[in-house]
């Protein structure tokens, strides 16, 4: 990810910039940051989760988005574009979303630090968020940050036979679904 210019932008200037320019841009403390291109694997992983959870939760008051909608964080001082997220219908602000319940970031070389440190700190401050998943695309590894009351816990999943329990959504997410049609190293279990 690369900062676009040395200038500090207002939120209004950021949204106008996004309308005039092709690509994906995040906004953090007045800076516009261009997002790197997504790999086919990253998009497939996000799409697998999107399709699976949407099918299970279609009757719930949620909106499901992948790689396109901006998410307001840090009280409007930042707008992120997660690889996939689910938010409450009441969080639809037309140009951006608020009230996320579930966020997924698929790691790439350029996003490792941002996803593990910066976004983790930002996302876990959002009161509605229940789950933040950080997913490796080169190997079978899913980190699940889970809110229980005011505390956050993390679980690691590295076997395609495992299932992530998501009680706040009343669903389970099989790791084999996350990595469906993804070529992983032979050391991982193969999907059934």
Protein backbone atom coordinates (compact mmCIF):
# COMPACT_ATOMS: atom_id res chain seq x y z
CA UNK A 1 0.00 0.00 0.00
CA UNK A 2 1.28 3.39 -0.96
CA UNK A 3 0.30 6.90 0.09
CA UNK A 4 -0.95 8.83 -2.95
CA UNK A 5 0.27 12.35 -2.13
CA UNK A 6 1.88 14.42 0.60
CA UNK A 7 -1.31 16.50 0.91
CA UNK A 8 -3.75 15.96 3.77
CA UNK A 9 -7.31 15.37 2.53
CA UNK A 10 -10.68 15.94 4.17
CA UNK A 11 -13.19 13.09 4.17
CA UNK A 12 -15.20 14.91 1.48
CA UNK A 13 -12.07 15.27 -0.69
CA UNK A 14 -11.33 11.57 -0.19
CA UNK A 15 -14.77 10.50 -1.46
CA UNK A 16 -14.47 12.91 -4.42
CA UNK A 17 -10.99 11.49 -5.18
CA UNK A 18 -12.42 7.93 -5.17
CA UNK A 19 -15.16 8.94 -7.59
CA UNK A 20 -12.62 10.44 -10.04
CA UNK A 21 -10.00 7.68 -9.87
CA UNK A 22 -10.09 3.99 -10.74
CA UNK A 23 -8.80 1.60 -8.10
CA UNK A 24 -9.30 1.00 -4.41
CA UNK A 25 -8.22 3.64 -1.92
CA UNK A 26 -8.30 3.68 1.86
CA UNK A 27 -8.27 6.85 3.96
CA UNK A 28 -6.28 7.14 7.19
CA UNK A 29 -5.84 10.36 9.17
CA UNK A 30 -6.12 12.56 6.08
CA UNK A 31 -3.94 10.40 3.80
CA UNK A 32 -5.25 8.51 0.79
CA UNK A 33 -3.62 5.11 0.46
CA UNK A 34 -3.84 3.04 -2.73
CA UNK A 35 -4.64 -0.62 -2.11
CA UNK A 36 -2.53 -3.18 -3.92
CA UNK A 37 -4.24 -5.46 -6.41
CA UNK A 38 -5.81 -8.62 -5.05
CA UNK A 39 -4.65 -12.04 -6.16
CA UNK A 40 -7.03 -14.60 -7.61
CA UNK A 41 -6.56 -16.73 -4.47
CA UNK A 42 -7.38 -13.83 -2.12
CA UNK A 43 -10.55 -13.07 -4.08
CA UNK A 44 -11.50 -16.76 -4.16
CA UNK A 45 -11.08 -17.11 -0.38
CA UNK A 46 -13.16 -13.98 0.30
CA UNK A 47 -15.74 -15.17 -2.24
CA UNK A 48 -15.94 -18.64 -0.67
CA UNK A 49 -16.75 -17.14 2.73
CA UNK A 50 -19.14 -14.60 1.22
CA UNK A 51 -21.14 -17.21 -0.70
CA UNK A 52 -21.25 -19.69 2.20
CA UNK A 53 -22.28 -17.26 4.94
CA UNK A 54 -24.74 -15.38 2.74
CA UNK A 55 -26.52 -18.66 2.09
CA UNK A 56 -26.80 -19.38 5.81
CA UNK A 57 -27.67 -15.84 6.94
CA UNK A 58 -29.81 -14.51 4.08
CA UNK A 59 -32.84 -14.01 6.36
CA UNK A 60 -30.85 -11.90 8.85
CA UNK A 61 -30.75 -8.06 8.82
CA UNK A 62 -27.20 -8.02 7.41
CA UNK A 63 -25.50 -6.69 4.29
CA UNK A 64 -22.66 -8.74 2.76
CA UNK A 65 -19.87 -7.00 0.80
CA UNK A 66 -16.64 -8.10 -0.81
CA UNK A 67 -13.68 -5.90 -1.82
CA UNK A 68 -15.65 -2.78 -2.66
CA UNK A 69 -17.41 -0.99 0.17
CA UNK A 70 -15.62 1.35 2.53
CA UNK A 71 -15.87 0.71 6.27
CA UNK A 72 -15.70 3.67 8.63
CA UNK A 73 -13.27 3.16 11.53
CA UNK A 74 -11.62 5.38 14.15
CA UNK A 75 -14.67 7.64 14.44
CA UNK A 76 -14.49 8.69 10.80
CA UNK A 77 -10.74 9.35 10.77
CA UNK A 78 -10.22 6.25 8.64
CA UNK A 79 -12.07 4.30 5.96
CA UNK A 80 -10.90 0.77 5.21
CA UNK A 81 -11.86 -1.67 2.46
CA UNK A 82 -11.88 -5.18 3.96
CA UNK A 83 -11.65 -8.20 1.67
CA UNK A 84 -15.07 -9.25 2.96
CA UNK A 85 -17.37 -8.11 5.73
CA UNK A 86 -20.88 -8.36 7.06
CA UNK A 87 -22.57 -5.37 8.63
CA UNK A 88 -25.97 -4.58 10.12
CA UNK A 89 -28.48 -3.06 7.67
CA UNK A 90 -28.69 -0.02 9.97
CA UNK A 91 -25.00 0.62 9.18
CA UNK A 92 -25.69 1.42 5.51
CA UNK A 93 -24.50 5.02 5.08
CA UNK A 94 -24.69 4.91 1.23
CA UNK A 95 -20.99 5.78 0.57
CA UNK A 96 -19.64 3.68 3.41
CA UNK A 97 -20.67 1.18 6.07
CA UNK A 98 -20.69 1.18 9.86
CA UNK A 99 -21.74 -1.49 12.38
CA UNK A 100 -19.72 -4.46 11.09
CA UNK A 101 -20.20 -7.78 12.82
CA UNK A 102 -17.72 -9.94 10.84
CA UNK A 103 -14.57 -8.85 8.95
CA UNK A 104 -12.15 -10.89 6.82
CA UNK A 105 -8.72 -9.80 5.61
CA UNK A 106 -6.73 -12.16 3.36
CA UNK A 107 -3.01 -11.62 3.81
CA UNK A 108 -0.63 -10.57 1.07
CA UNK A 109 3.03 -9.58 1.31
CA UNK A 110 2.10 -5.90 1.31
CA UNK A 111 -0.68 -6.19 3.92
CA UNK A 112 0.76 -8.45 6.62
CA UNK A 113 1.75 -5.69 9.05
CA UNK A 114 -1.32 -3.55 8.38
CA UNK A 115 -3.75 -6.46 8.82
CA UNK A 116 -2.04 -7.88 11.94
CA UNK A 117 -1.29 -4.63 13.74
CA UNK A 118 -3.02 -1.50 12.45
CA UNK A 119 -6.33 -2.96 11.31
CA UNK A 120 -6.48 -5.32 14.29
CA UNK A 121 -6.22 -2.31 16.62
CA UNK A 122 -8.79 -0.34 14.62
CA UNK A 123 -11.30 -3.13 14.11
CA UNK A 124 -11.31 -4.38 17.70
CA UNK A 125 -12.39 -0.90 18.83
CA UNK A 126 -15.63 -1.13 16.82
CA UNK A 127 -18.39 -1.95 19.35
CA UNK A 128 -20.52 -4.05 16.95
CA UNK A 129 -17.68 -6.26 15.68
CA UNK A 130 -17.77 -9.86 16.89
CA UNK A 131 -15.22 -11.55 14.60
CA UNK A 132 -12.08 -10.55 12.72
CA UNK A 133 -10.50 -13.27 10.55
CA UNK A 134 -6.98 -12.97 9.16
CA UNK A 135 -6.40 -15.61 6.50
CA UNK A 136 -3.20 -16.82 4.87
CA UNK A 137 -3.59 -17.49 1.16
CA UNK A 138 -0.36 -19.48 0.67
CA UNK A 139 -0.99 -22.03 3.45
CA UNK A 140 -3.85 -23.30 5.56
CA UNK A 141 -3.92 -20.85 8.48
CA UNK A 142 -6.86 -18.81 9.76
CA UNK A 143 -6.61 -16.55 12.81
CA UNK A 144 -9.99 -15.86 14.36
CA UNK A 145 -10.26 -12.91 16.74
CA UNK A 146 -13.47 -13.35 18.72
CA UNK A 147 -15.12 -10.84 21.09
CA UNK A 148 -16.48 -12.19 24.36
CA UNK A 149 -17.91 -9.28 26.30
CA UNK A 150 -15.20 -6.61 26.48
CA UNK A 151 -12.34 -9.04 25.81
CA UNK A 152 -10.89 -10.42 22.59
CA UNK A 153 -9.56 -13.94 22.16
CA UNK A 154 -7.73 -15.52 19.25
CA UNK A 155 -7.89 -19.08 17.91
CA UNK A 156 -5.77 -20.56 15.13
CA UNK A 157 -7.03 -23.06 12.57
CA UNK A 158 -4.55 -24.93 10.35
CA UNK A 159 -6.36 -28.09 9.29
CA UNK A 160 -8.95 -28.28 6.52
CA UNK A 161 -10.98 -30.67 8.68
CA UNK A 162 -11.53 -28.04 11.39
CA UNK A 163 -14.59 -25.84 11.75
CA UNK A 164 -14.81 -22.31 13.12
CA UNK A 165 -17.71 -21.85 15.53
CA UNK A 166 -19.34 -18.42 15.15
CA UNK A 167 -21.97 -18.39 17.94
CA UNK A 168 -22.82 -14.68 17.56
CA UNK A 169 -23.97 -15.51 14.02
CA UNK A 170 -25.29 -18.95 15.01
CA UNK A 171 -23.26 -20.65 12.25
CA UNK A 172 -20.14 -22.75 11.76
CA UNK A 173 -17.58 -22.09 9.01
CA UNK A 174 -15.60 -25.13 7.81
CA UNK A 175 -11.97 -24.41 6.96
CA UNK A 176 -12.49 -26.57 3.85
CA UNK A 177 -15.02 -23.97 2.65
CA UNK A 178 -12.54 -21.12 3.23
CA UNK A 179 -9.94 -22.83 1.01
CA UNK A 180 -12.30 -24.37 -1.57
CA UNK A 181 -10.55 -24.38 -5.01
CA UNK A 182 -7.32 -23.02 -3.51
CA UNK A 183 -4.09 -24.92 -4.24
CA UNK A 184 -2.37 -25.35 -0.89
CA UNK A 185 0.94 -27.07 -0.12
CA UNK A 186 0.69 -30.85 0.25
CA UNK A 187 1.29 -30.62 4.03
CA UNK A 188 -2.31 -29.47 4.54
CA UNK A 189 -5.21 -31.87 4.70
CA UNK A 190 -7.10 -32.09 1.44
CA UNK A 191 -10.77 -31.01 1.28
CA UNK A 192 -13.39 -33.71 1.08
